[in-house]
């Protein structure tokens, strides 16, 4: 009987200790930071006279890149040079060959397989929701490179919280957007954007 009474007295203390542990864990979780860096580019200069297979995707021409005598895109090579030591752990491109070939030299240097994710809806309108969801789910605390299009690159910056950027002109291929996304669990995220240029001026 005495032992039973002692146990009942200890129960409030045990409950209090458990509460303290839970609250402490919650505070640690809430204040834990994560930082993801997204490097966003538009594909390199396009060659409208040469098509890839299939010739169209979502009703949009699937054209190739302009290449030099060595069959290389100078801008794709410049991107590989600029980003080779950036700590990139994942590379994404759209389902168009021009974005995949833009990141191809870098992916080869790093030994990374390019993740191909559509950046357009079935009707051809730009849509990067699935792409951004994959980045948020799979690449926390990583550096990720994404190659997009003139109409999707601004969304790649905007959707994580980087705000609106000016429209990208049809002859503009030299932008490199660095989006740094800081998150606190259970709190809103915050993003900062740096807009750089790389390779030859467009």
N, C-alpha and C. Protein backbone atom coordinates (compact mmCIF):
# COMPACT_ATOMS: atom_id res chain seq x y z
N UNK A 1 0.83 -1.20 0.00
CA UNK A 1 0.00 0.00 0.00
C UNK A 1 0.86 1.25 0.00
N UNK A 2 1.92 1.18 0.80
CA UNK A 2 2.81 2.33 0.86
C UNK A 2 3.45 2.57 -0.50
N UNK A 3 3.85 1.46 -1.14
CA UNK A 3 4.46 1.58 -2.46
C UNK A 3 3.49 2.18 -3.47
N UNK A 4 2.22 1.82 -3.40
CA UNK A 4 1.21 2.37 -4.30
C UNK A 4 1.04 3.86 -4.12
N UNK A 5 1.06 4.32 -2.86
CA UNK A 5 0.92 5.75 -2.60
C UNK A 5 2.13 6.52 -3.12
N UNK A 6 3.32 5.94 -2.94
CA UNK A 6 4.53 6.60 -3.43
C UNK A 6 4.50 6.72 -4.95
N UNK A 7 4.01 5.68 -5.61
CA UNK A 7 3.95 5.71 -7.08
C UNK A 7 3.00 6.79 -7.56
N UNK A 8 1.86 6.93 -6.83
CA UNK A 8 0.89 7.95 -7.22
C UNK A 8 1.48 9.34 -7.04
N UNK A 9 2.34 9.52 -6.06
CA UNK A 9 2.97 10.82 -5.85
C UNK A 9 3.97 11.13 -6.95
N UNK A 10 4.60 10.07 -7.48
CA UNK A 10 5.60 10.27 -8.51
C UNK A 10 5.00 10.57 -9.87
N UNK A 11 3.74 10.18 -10.08
CA UNK A 11 3.11 10.36 -11.39
C UNK A 11 3.09 11.81 -11.83
N UNK A 12 2.70 12.79 -10.99
CA UNK A 12 2.73 14.19 -11.43
C UNK A 12 4.13 14.65 -11.82
N UNK A 13 5.14 14.18 -11.09
CA UNK A 13 6.51 14.56 -11.41
C UNK A 13 6.92 14.00 -12.77
N UNK A 14 6.54 12.75 -13.02
CA UNK A 14 6.86 12.13 -14.30
C UNK A 14 6.17 12.86 -15.45
N UNK A 15 4.90 13.21 -15.23
CA UNK A 15 4.15 13.93 -16.26
C UNK A 15 4.77 15.30 -16.53
N UNK A 16 5.22 15.96 -15.44
CA UNK A 16 5.84 17.26 -15.60
C UNK A 16 7.16 17.15 -16.38
N UNK A 17 7.94 16.13 -16.05
CA UNK A 17 9.22 15.93 -16.75
C UNK A 17 8.99 15.66 -18.23
N UNK A 18 7.98 14.83 -18.53
CA UNK A 18 7.65 14.52 -19.93
C UNK A 18 7.20 15.77 -20.68
N UNK A 19 6.42 16.62 -20.00
CA UNK A 19 5.97 17.87 -20.62
C UNK A 19 7.14 18.77 -20.95
N UNK A 20 8.10 18.85 -20.01
CA UNK A 20 9.29 19.68 -20.25
C UNK A 20 10.08 19.17 -21.45
N UNK A 21 10.21 17.86 -21.55
CA UNK A 21 10.95 17.27 -22.67
C UNK A 21 10.25 17.57 -24.00
N UNK A 22 8.93 17.44 -24.03
CA UNK A 22 8.17 17.69 -25.26
C UNK A 22 8.27 19.16 -25.67
N UNK A 23 8.11 20.05 -24.70
CA UNK A 23 8.18 21.49 -25.00
C UNK A 23 9.57 21.86 -25.51
N UNK A 24 10.61 21.32 -24.84
CA UNK A 24 11.98 21.61 -25.27
C UNK A 24 12.22 21.12 -26.70
N UNK A 25 11.76 19.91 -26.99
CA UNK A 25 11.92 19.35 -28.33
C UNK A 25 11.19 20.20 -29.36
N UNK A 26 10.00 20.67 -29.00
CA UNK A 26 9.22 21.50 -29.93
C UNK A 26 9.94 22.81 -30.22
N UNK A 27 10.53 23.41 -29.18
CA UNK A 27 11.27 24.66 -29.37
C UNK A 27 12.46 24.44 -30.30
N UNK A 28 13.19 23.34 -30.08
CA UNK A 28 14.35 23.04 -30.93
C UNK A 28 13.92 22.86 -32.37
N UNK A 29 12.83 22.13 -32.57
CA UNK A 29 12.33 21.88 -33.92
C UNK A 29 11.89 23.19 -34.57
N UNK A 30 11.16 24.00 -33.83
CA UNK A 30 10.64 25.25 -34.39
C UNK A 30 11.74 26.20 -34.81
N UNK A 31 12.83 26.21 -34.07
CA UNK A 31 13.90 27.17 -34.35
C UNK A 31 14.98 26.61 -35.23
N UNK A 32 14.82 25.38 -35.68
CA UNK A 32 15.82 24.80 -36.57
C UNK A 32 15.71 25.44 -37.95
N UNK A 33 16.82 25.90 -38.48
CA UNK A 33 16.83 26.54 -39.78
C UNK A 33 17.26 25.56 -40.86
N UNK A 34 16.79 25.79 -42.06
CA UNK A 34 17.29 25.06 -43.23
C UNK A 34 17.45 26.07 -44.36
N UNK A 35 18.49 25.90 -45.13
CA UNK A 35 18.76 26.81 -46.24
C UNK A 35 18.96 26.01 -47.52
N UNK A 36 18.19 26.34 -48.52
CA UNK A 36 18.31 25.71 -49.83
C UNK A 36 18.67 26.79 -50.83
N UNK A 37 19.61 26.50 -51.71
CA UNK A 37 20.02 27.44 -52.74
C UNK A 37 19.62 26.89 -54.10
N UNK A 38 18.85 27.69 -54.84
CA UNK A 38 18.44 27.31 -56.19
C UNK A 38 19.13 28.23 -57.19
N UNK A 39 19.88 27.65 -58.12
CA UNK A 39 20.48 28.38 -59.21
C UNK A 39 19.58 28.20 -60.43
N UNK A 40 19.02 29.28 -60.92
CA UNK A 40 18.09 29.20 -62.04
C UNK A 40 18.63 29.89 -63.28
N UNK A 41 18.54 29.20 -64.41
CA UNK A 41 18.97 29.77 -65.69
C UNK A 41 17.92 29.46 -66.76
N UNK A 42 17.95 30.26 -67.79
CA UNK A 42 17.22 29.91 -69.00
C UNK A 42 18.15 29.05 -69.84
N UNK A 43 17.57 28.24 -70.71
CA UNK A 43 18.39 27.42 -71.61
C UNK A 43 19.30 28.29 -72.47
N UNK A 44 20.31 27.70 -73.06
CA UNK A 44 21.25 28.41 -73.93
C UNK A 44 20.58 28.77 -75.25
N UNK A 45 21.31 29.48 -76.10
CA UNK A 45 20.78 29.97 -77.38
C UNK A 45 20.18 28.83 -78.21
N UNK A 46 18.99 29.04 -78.70
CA UNK A 46 18.27 28.01 -79.43
C UNK A 46 18.49 28.10 -80.93
N UNK A 47 18.48 26.94 -81.56
CA UNK A 47 18.61 26.86 -83.02
C UNK A 47 17.24 26.48 -83.58
N UNK A 48 16.51 27.47 -84.04
CA UNK A 48 15.14 27.23 -84.50
C UNK A 48 15.07 26.39 -85.76
N UNK A 49 16.21 26.18 -86.43
CA UNK A 49 16.21 25.40 -87.68
C UNK A 49 16.39 23.91 -87.44
N UNK A 50 16.71 23.52 -86.21
CA UNK A 50 16.97 22.10 -85.92
C UNK A 50 16.05 21.65 -84.79
N UNK A 51 15.31 20.58 -85.03
CA UNK A 51 14.38 20.06 -84.03
C UNK A 51 14.91 18.79 -83.37
N UNK A 52 14.50 18.58 -82.14
CA UNK A 52 14.77 17.33 -81.44
C UNK A 52 13.52 16.46 -81.55
N UNK A 53 13.62 15.26 -81.02
CA UNK A 53 12.47 14.36 -80.99
C UNK A 53 11.86 14.33 -79.60
N UNK A 54 10.54 14.45 -79.50
CA UNK A 54 9.59 14.75 -80.56
C UNK A 54 9.69 16.22 -80.98
N UNK A 55 9.23 16.57 -82.18
CA UNK A 55 9.37 17.95 -82.66
C UNK A 55 8.60 18.98 -81.82
N UNK A 56 7.56 18.54 -81.14
CA UNK A 56 6.79 19.43 -80.29
C UNK A 56 6.43 18.74 -78.97
N UNK A 57 6.38 19.54 -77.91
CA UNK A 57 5.93 19.08 -76.59
C UNK A 57 4.95 20.11 -76.06
N UNK A 58 3.78 19.68 -75.65
CA UNK A 58 2.73 20.60 -75.18
C UNK A 58 2.42 21.66 -76.24
N UNK A 59 2.59 21.32 -77.51
CA UNK A 59 2.33 22.27 -78.58
C UNK A 59 3.42 23.30 -78.78
N UNK A 60 4.58 23.13 -78.12
CA UNK A 60 5.70 24.06 -78.21
C UNK A 60 6.84 23.38 -78.96
N UNK A 61 7.49 24.13 -79.86
CA UNK A 61 8.58 23.55 -80.66
C UNK A 61 9.73 23.09 -79.76
N UNK A 62 10.18 21.86 -79.99
CA UNK A 62 11.26 21.26 -79.23
C UNK A 62 12.56 21.41 -80.02
N UNK A 63 13.08 22.63 -80.08
CA UNK A 63 14.24 22.91 -80.93
C UNK A 63 15.54 22.71 -80.17
N UNK A 64 16.62 22.53 -80.93
CA UNK A 64 17.94 22.25 -80.39
C UNK A 64 18.67 23.54 -80.02
N UNK A 65 19.94 23.39 -79.61
CA UNK A 65 20.78 24.53 -79.28
C UNK A 65 21.71 24.88 -80.44
N UNK A 66 22.14 26.12 -80.47
CA UNK A 66 23.20 26.52 -81.40
C UNK A 66 24.52 25.96 -80.87
N UNK A 67 25.28 25.30 -81.74
CA UNK A 67 26.56 24.71 -81.34
C UNK A 67 27.67 25.21 -82.24
N UNK A 68 28.92 25.12 -81.75
CA UNK A 68 30.08 25.54 -82.54
C UNK A 68 30.62 24.38 -83.36
N UNK A 69 31.79 24.57 -83.95
CA UNK A 69 32.37 23.54 -84.81
C UNK A 69 32.69 22.26 -84.05
N UNK A 70 32.85 22.37 -82.73
CA UNK A 70 33.10 21.19 -81.90
C UNK A 70 31.81 20.56 -81.39
N UNK A 71 30.68 21.02 -81.96
CA UNK A 71 29.36 20.52 -81.59
C UNK A 71 29.05 20.77 -80.13
N UNK A 72 29.50 21.91 -79.62
CA UNK A 72 29.25 22.29 -78.24
C UNK A 72 28.53 23.63 -78.17
N UNK A 73 27.65 23.76 -77.20
CA UNK A 73 27.05 25.05 -76.91
C UNK A 73 28.02 25.83 -76.02
N UNK A 74 28.46 26.99 -76.49
CA UNK A 74 29.41 27.78 -75.70
C UNK A 74 28.82 28.18 -74.36
N UNK A 75 27.53 28.48 -74.34
CA UNK A 75 26.92 28.89 -73.07
C UNK A 75 26.79 27.70 -72.11
N UNK A 76 26.49 26.54 -72.62
CA UNK A 76 26.43 25.35 -71.76
C UNK A 76 27.79 25.06 -71.16
N UNK A 77 28.85 25.27 -71.93
CA UNK A 77 30.20 25.08 -71.41
C UNK A 77 30.53 26.14 -70.36
N UNK A 78 30.09 27.37 -70.61
CA UNK A 78 30.31 28.45 -69.63
C UNK A 78 29.58 28.16 -68.33
N UNK A 79 28.37 27.62 -68.43
CA UNK A 79 27.61 27.29 -67.22
C UNK A 79 28.32 26.21 -66.42
N UNK A 80 28.88 25.22 -67.12
CA UNK A 80 29.62 24.16 -66.43
C UNK A 80 30.83 24.73 -65.71
N UNK A 81 31.50 25.68 -66.35
CA UNK A 81 32.68 26.29 -65.74
C UNK A 81 32.31 27.10 -64.50
N UNK A 82 31.24 27.88 -64.60
CA UNK A 82 30.82 28.75 -63.50
C UNK A 82 30.31 27.95 -62.30
N UNK A 83 29.60 26.87 -62.56
CA UNK A 83 28.89 26.15 -61.49
C UNK A 83 29.58 24.88 -61.00
N UNK A 84 30.70 24.56 -61.60
CA UNK A 84 31.35 23.28 -61.29
C UNK A 84 31.67 23.13 -59.81
N UNK A 85 32.08 24.22 -59.15
CA UNK A 85 32.49 24.15 -57.74
C UNK A 85 31.47 24.82 -56.81
N UNK A 86 30.21 24.89 -57.24
CA UNK A 86 29.19 25.56 -56.44
C UNK A 86 28.54 24.65 -55.40
N UNK A 87 28.95 23.39 -55.37
CA UNK A 87 28.37 22.47 -54.40
C UNK A 87 27.03 21.91 -54.83
N UNK A 88 26.76 21.90 -56.12
CA UNK A 88 25.47 21.42 -56.63
C UNK A 88 25.32 19.92 -56.39
N UNK A 89 24.17 19.53 -55.85
CA UNK A 89 23.90 18.11 -55.59
C UNK A 89 22.76 17.57 -56.45
N UNK A 90 22.02 18.45 -57.12
CA UNK A 90 20.92 18.00 -57.97
C UNK A 90 20.76 18.98 -59.13
N UNK A 91 20.40 18.44 -60.29
CA UNK A 91 20.20 19.25 -61.49
C UNK A 91 18.84 18.90 -62.08
N UNK A 92 18.08 19.94 -62.43
CA UNK A 92 16.76 19.76 -63.02
C UNK A 92 16.69 20.48 -64.37
N UNK A 93 15.95 19.89 -65.29
CA UNK A 93 15.69 20.50 -66.59
C UNK A 93 14.26 20.16 -66.99
N UNK A 94 13.74 20.90 -67.94
CA UNK A 94 12.39 20.61 -68.43
C UNK A 94 12.45 19.44 -69.40
N UNK A 95 11.32 19.08 -69.98
CA UNK A 95 11.28 17.97 -70.92
C UNK A 95 11.69 18.36 -72.34
N UNK A 96 12.20 19.58 -72.51
CA UNK A 96 12.70 20.02 -73.81
C UNK A 96 14.20 19.78 -73.90
N UNK A 97 14.66 19.38 -75.09
CA UNK A 97 16.07 19.02 -75.24
C UNK A 97 16.99 20.21 -75.00
N UNK A 98 16.52 21.44 -75.25
CA UNK A 98 17.41 22.59 -75.10
C UNK A 98 17.77 22.87 -73.64
N UNK A 99 16.88 22.57 -72.72
CA UNK A 99 17.24 22.74 -71.31
C UNK A 99 18.15 21.60 -70.85
N UNK A 100 17.87 20.39 -71.30
CA UNK A 100 18.68 19.25 -70.90
C UNK A 100 20.11 19.36 -71.43
N UNK A 101 20.24 19.87 -72.66
CA UNK A 101 21.57 20.03 -73.24
C UNK A 101 22.32 21.22 -72.63
N UNK A 102 21.59 22.18 -72.10
CA UNK A 102 22.23 23.32 -71.43
C UNK A 102 22.95 22.87 -70.17
N UNK A 103 22.33 21.96 -69.42
CA UNK A 103 22.95 21.48 -68.18
C UNK A 103 23.79 20.23 -68.39
N UNK A 104 23.76 19.68 -69.60
CA UNK A 104 24.45 18.43 -69.88
C UNK A 104 25.94 18.42 -69.54
N UNK A 105 26.71 19.41 -70.00
CA UNK A 105 28.15 19.41 -69.68
C UNK A 105 28.44 19.45 -68.18
N UNK A 106 27.65 20.23 -67.43
CA UNK A 106 27.85 20.29 -65.99
C UNK A 106 27.48 18.96 -65.34
N UNK A 107 26.35 18.39 -65.75
CA UNK A 107 25.93 17.11 -65.19
C UNK A 107 26.99 16.04 -65.43
N UNK A 108 27.59 16.07 -66.60
CA UNK A 108 28.65 15.09 -66.92
C UNK A 108 29.87 15.30 -66.04
N UNK A 109 30.27 16.55 -65.84
CA UNK A 109 31.43 16.83 -65.00
C UNK A 109 31.21 16.38 -63.56
N UNK A 110 29.99 16.60 -63.07
CA UNK A 110 29.69 16.28 -61.67
C UNK A 110 29.25 14.84 -61.46
N UNK A 111 28.99 14.13 -62.55
CA UNK A 111 28.49 12.76 -62.43
C UNK A 111 27.09 12.68 -61.86
N UNK A 112 26.27 13.69 -62.21
CA UNK A 112 24.90 13.76 -61.71
C UNK A 112 23.92 13.50 -62.85
N UNK A 113 22.91 12.71 -62.59
CA UNK A 113 21.85 12.48 -63.58
C UNK A 113 20.85 13.62 -63.51
N UNK A 114 20.54 14.22 -64.65
CA UNK A 114 19.58 15.33 -64.69
C UNK A 114 18.17 14.83 -64.45
N UNK A 115 17.47 15.47 -63.53
CA UNK A 115 16.06 15.17 -63.28
C UNK A 115 15.22 15.95 -64.29
N UNK A 116 14.42 15.24 -65.07
CA UNK A 116 13.57 15.88 -66.08
C UNK A 116 12.16 16.02 -65.52
N UNK A 117 11.73 17.27 -65.33
CA UNK A 117 10.40 17.55 -64.80
C UNK A 117 9.76 18.61 -65.68
N UNK A 118 8.55 18.36 -66.14
CA UNK A 118 7.86 19.31 -67.01
C UNK A 118 7.65 20.64 -66.30
N UNK A 119 7.80 21.73 -67.05
CA UNK A 119 7.56 23.06 -66.52
C UNK A 119 6.37 23.72 -67.21
N UNK A 120 5.57 22.91 -67.87
CA UNK A 120 4.37 23.41 -68.56
C UNK A 120 3.19 22.48 -68.28
N UNK A 121 2.01 23.08 -68.28
CA UNK A 121 0.79 22.29 -68.20
C UNK A 121 0.52 21.66 -69.58
N UNK A 122 -0.47 20.80 -69.63
CA UNK A 122 -0.79 20.11 -70.88
C UNK A 122 -1.13 21.09 -71.99
N UNK A 123 -1.73 22.23 -71.63
CA UNK A 123 -2.11 23.22 -72.65
C UNK A 123 -0.96 24.14 -73.04
N UNK A 124 0.23 23.89 -72.49
CA UNK A 124 1.39 24.69 -72.86
C UNK A 124 1.66 25.89 -71.98
N UNK A 125 0.79 26.18 -71.03
CA UNK A 125 1.02 27.31 -70.13
C UNK A 125 2.09 26.95 -69.11
N UNK A 126 2.90 27.91 -68.68
CA UNK A 126 3.96 27.60 -67.72
C UNK A 126 3.40 27.18 -66.37
N UNK A 127 3.97 26.13 -65.81
CA UNK A 127 3.54 25.62 -64.51
C UNK A 127 4.72 24.89 -63.87
N UNK A 128 5.24 25.44 -62.78
CA UNK A 128 6.40 24.84 -62.11
C UNK A 128 6.06 24.34 -60.72
N UNK A 129 4.77 24.18 -60.42
CA UNK A 129 4.35 23.76 -59.08
C UNK A 129 4.95 22.42 -58.68
N UNK A 130 4.89 21.43 -59.59
CA UNK A 130 5.43 20.11 -59.28
C UNK A 130 6.95 20.18 -59.10
N UNK A 131 7.59 20.96 -59.93
CA UNK A 131 9.05 21.13 -59.83
C UNK A 131 9.44 21.71 -58.48
N UNK A 132 8.81 22.79 -58.07
CA UNK A 132 9.14 23.42 -56.79
C UNK A 132 8.81 22.50 -55.62
N UNK A 133 7.73 21.74 -55.74
CA UNK A 133 7.37 20.78 -54.68
C UNK A 133 8.47 19.73 -54.51
N UNK A 134 9.05 19.27 -55.63
CA UNK A 134 10.13 18.29 -55.55
C UNK A 134 11.37 18.89 -54.89
N UNK A 135 11.67 20.15 -55.22
CA UNK A 135 12.82 20.81 -54.61
C UNK A 135 12.61 20.92 -53.09
N UNK A 136 11.42 21.35 -52.69
CA UNK A 136 11.12 21.52 -51.26
C UNK A 136 11.18 20.20 -50.50
N UNK A 137 10.73 19.14 -51.15
CA UNK A 137 10.65 17.83 -50.48
C UNK A 137 11.99 17.11 -50.45
N UNK A 138 12.73 17.18 -51.54
CA UNK A 138 13.90 16.32 -51.70
C UNK A 138 15.26 17.00 -51.52
N UNK A 139 15.29 18.33 -51.47
CA UNK A 139 16.61 18.98 -51.54
C UNK A 139 16.82 20.07 -50.48
N UNK A 140 16.25 19.89 -49.30
CA UNK A 140 16.49 20.84 -48.21
C UNK A 140 17.97 20.86 -47.86
N UNK A 141 18.49 22.07 -47.66
CA UNK A 141 19.91 22.26 -47.31
C UNK A 141 20.86 21.83 -48.43
N UNK A 142 20.40 21.86 -49.67
CA UNK A 142 21.23 21.51 -50.80
C UNK A 142 21.31 22.68 -51.78
N UNK A 143 22.21 22.56 -52.75
CA UNK A 143 22.32 23.51 -53.86
C UNK A 143 21.82 22.82 -55.11
N UNK A 144 20.84 23.42 -55.76
CA UNK A 144 20.16 22.80 -56.91
C UNK A 144 20.24 23.74 -58.10
N UNK A 145 20.52 23.19 -59.28
CA UNK A 145 20.50 23.95 -60.52
C UNK A 145 19.26 23.58 -61.31
N UNK A 146 18.55 24.59 -61.82
CA UNK A 146 17.36 24.36 -62.64
C UNK A 146 17.51 25.13 -63.95
N UNK A 147 17.35 24.45 -65.07
CA UNK A 147 17.33 25.10 -66.37
C UNK A 147 15.89 25.18 -66.85
N UNK A 148 15.46 26.39 -67.16
CA UNK A 148 14.08 26.59 -67.60
C UNK A 148 14.00 27.37 -68.89
N UNK A 149 12.92 28.09 -69.04
CA UNK A 149 12.62 28.83 -70.27
C UNK A 149 12.34 30.29 -69.91
N UNK A 150 12.21 31.12 -70.92
CA UNK A 150 11.97 32.54 -70.65
C UNK A 150 10.70 32.75 -69.85
N UNK A 151 9.70 31.87 -70.03
CA UNK A 151 8.43 32.03 -69.33
C UNK A 151 8.38 31.26 -68.01
N UNK A 152 9.30 30.32 -67.80
CA UNK A 152 9.28 29.55 -66.55
C UNK A 152 10.37 29.96 -65.56
N UNK A 153 11.49 30.49 -66.05
CA UNK A 153 12.56 30.92 -65.13
C UNK A 153 12.07 31.95 -64.12
N UNK A 154 11.26 32.95 -64.52
CA UNK A 154 10.74 33.88 -63.51
C UNK A 154 9.90 33.19 -62.44
N UNK A 155 9.15 32.15 -62.82
CA UNK A 155 8.34 31.42 -61.84
C UNK A 155 9.21 30.62 -60.89
N UNK A 156 10.33 30.11 -61.39
CA UNK A 156 11.25 29.35 -60.55
C UNK A 156 11.82 30.24 -59.46
N UNK A 157 11.95 31.53 -59.75
CA UNK A 157 12.40 32.49 -58.74
C UNK A 157 11.24 32.90 -57.83
N UNK A 158 10.08 33.12 -58.41
CA UNK A 158 8.93 33.65 -57.67
C UNK A 158 8.31 32.65 -56.71
N UNK A 159 8.11 31.42 -57.14
CA UNK A 159 7.37 30.44 -56.35
C UNK A 159 7.99 30.14 -54.98
N UNK A 160 9.31 30.08 -54.85
CA UNK A 160 9.88 29.86 -53.51
C UNK A 160 9.86 31.10 -52.63
N UNK A 161 9.36 32.22 -53.15
CA UNK A 161 9.28 33.44 -52.36
C UNK A 161 10.25 34.52 -52.76
N UNK A 162 10.87 34.38 -53.94
CA UNK A 162 11.85 35.35 -54.38
C UNK A 162 11.28 36.61 -54.99
N UNK A 163 9.95 36.67 -55.13
CA UNK A 163 9.33 37.86 -55.69
C UNK A 163 9.39 37.88 -57.21
N UNK A 164 8.76 38.89 -57.79
CA UNK A 164 8.71 39.00 -59.24
C UNK A 164 10.02 39.56 -59.79
N UNK A 165 10.39 39.08 -60.97
CA UNK A 165 11.54 39.62 -61.68
C UNK A 165 11.07 40.10 -63.04
N UNK A 166 11.80 41.01 -63.67
CA UNK A 166 11.39 41.49 -64.99
C UNK A 166 11.31 40.36 -66.00
N UNK A 167 10.44 40.52 -66.98
CA UNK A 167 10.29 39.50 -68.02
C UNK A 167 11.63 39.29 -68.74
N UNK A 168 11.88 38.06 -69.15
CA UNK A 168 13.11 37.73 -69.86
C UNK A 168 12.85 37.83 -71.37
N UNK A 169 13.63 38.64 -72.04
CA UNK A 169 13.45 38.86 -73.48
C UNK A 169 13.82 37.62 -74.27
N UNK A 170 13.29 37.53 -75.48
CA UNK A 170 13.54 36.37 -76.32
C UNK A 170 14.99 36.16 -76.67
N UNK A 171 15.78 37.24 -76.69
CA UNK A 171 17.21 37.13 -77.04
C UNK A 171 18.11 37.20 -75.81
N UNK A 172 17.56 36.93 -74.64
CA UNK A 172 18.30 37.05 -73.38
C UNK A 172 18.56 35.66 -72.81
N UNK A 173 19.84 35.28 -72.77
CA UNK A 173 20.20 33.92 -72.35
C UNK A 173 21.26 33.89 -71.24
N UNK A 174 21.71 35.05 -70.77
CA UNK A 174 22.88 35.08 -69.89
C UNK A 174 22.56 35.31 -68.41
N UNK A 175 21.31 35.20 -68.01
CA UNK A 175 20.95 35.40 -66.61
C UNK A 175 21.26 34.16 -65.76
N UNK A 176 21.74 34.41 -64.57
CA UNK A 176 21.92 33.35 -63.57
C UNK A 176 21.33 33.87 -62.27
N UNK A 177 20.20 33.29 -61.86
CA UNK A 177 19.51 33.72 -60.64
C UNK A 177 19.94 32.81 -59.48
N UNK A 178 20.35 33.43 -58.39
CA UNK A 178 20.72 32.69 -57.19
C UNK A 178 19.65 32.97 -56.13
N UNK A 179 18.85 31.97 -55.84
CA UNK A 179 17.74 32.12 -54.89
C UNK A 179 18.11 31.36 -53.61
N UNK A 180 18.29 32.09 -52.53
CA UNK A 180 18.62 31.48 -51.24
C UNK A 180 17.36 31.45 -50.38
N UNK A 181 16.89 30.25 -50.07
CA UNK A 181 15.62 30.06 -49.36
C UNK A 181 15.91 29.58 -47.94
N UNK A 182 15.56 30.39 -46.96
CA UNK A 182 15.75 30.03 -45.55
C UNK A 182 14.40 29.70 -44.95
N UNK A 183 14.33 28.55 -44.29
CA UNK A 183 13.06 28.12 -43.68
C UNK A 183 13.26 27.83 -42.20
N UNK A 184 12.18 28.08 -41.42
CA UNK A 184 12.08 27.60 -40.06
C UNK A 184 10.89 26.67 -40.00
N UNK A 185 11.08 25.50 -39.45
CA UNK A 185 9.97 24.56 -39.37
C UNK A 185 8.81 25.21 -38.62
N UNK A 186 7.63 25.06 -39.17
CA UNK A 186 6.38 25.61 -38.64
C UNK A 186 6.28 27.12 -38.84
N UNK A 187 7.29 27.74 -39.48
CA UNK A 187 7.23 29.16 -39.75
C UNK A 187 7.37 29.38 -41.25
N UNK A 188 7.07 30.58 -41.70
CA UNK A 188 7.16 30.88 -43.12
C UNK A 188 8.62 30.95 -43.57
N UNK A 189 8.83 30.74 -44.87
CA UNK A 189 10.17 30.80 -45.42
C UNK A 189 10.48 32.21 -45.92
N UNK A 190 11.75 32.47 -46.12
CA UNK A 190 12.20 33.76 -46.62
C UNK A 190 13.23 33.51 -47.71
N UNK A 191 13.13 34.23 -48.82
CA UNK A 191 14.05 34.03 -49.93
C UNK A 191 14.72 35.34 -50.33
N UNK A 192 15.99 35.24 -50.68
CA UNK A 192 16.74 36.36 -51.24
C UNK A 192 17.21 35.97 -52.63
N UNK A 193 17.22 36.94 -53.54
CA UNK A 193 17.59 36.67 -54.92
C UNK A 193 18.74 37.56 -55.35
N UNK A 194 19.74 36.95 -55.96
CA UNK A 194 20.84 37.69 -56.58
C UNK A 194 20.79 37.37 -58.07
N UNK A 195 20.78 38.39 -58.91
CA UNK A 195 20.72 38.20 -60.35
C UNK A 195 22.11 38.47 -60.94
N UNK A 196 22.71 37.43 -61.52
CA UNK A 196 24.05 37.52 -62.09
C UNK A 196 23.98 37.32 -63.60
N UNK A 197 25.12 37.54 -64.26
CA UNK A 197 25.27 37.24 -65.68
C UNK A 197 26.42 36.27 -65.85
N UNK A 198 26.33 35.41 -66.84
CA UNK A 198 27.43 34.46 -67.09
C UNK A 198 27.60 34.28 -68.59
N UNK A 199 28.83 33.88 -68.99
CA UNK A 199 29.09 33.67 -70.41
C UNK A 199 29.09 34.99 -71.19
N UNK A 200 29.04 34.89 -72.50
CA UNK A 200 29.01 36.07 -73.36
C UNK A 200 27.71 36.83 -73.14
N UNK A 201 27.78 38.16 -73.24
CA UNK A 201 26.60 38.98 -73.09
C UNK A 201 25.60 38.69 -74.22
N UNK A 202 24.33 38.55 -73.86
CA UNK A 202 23.31 38.28 -74.87
C UNK A 202 23.11 39.50 -75.75
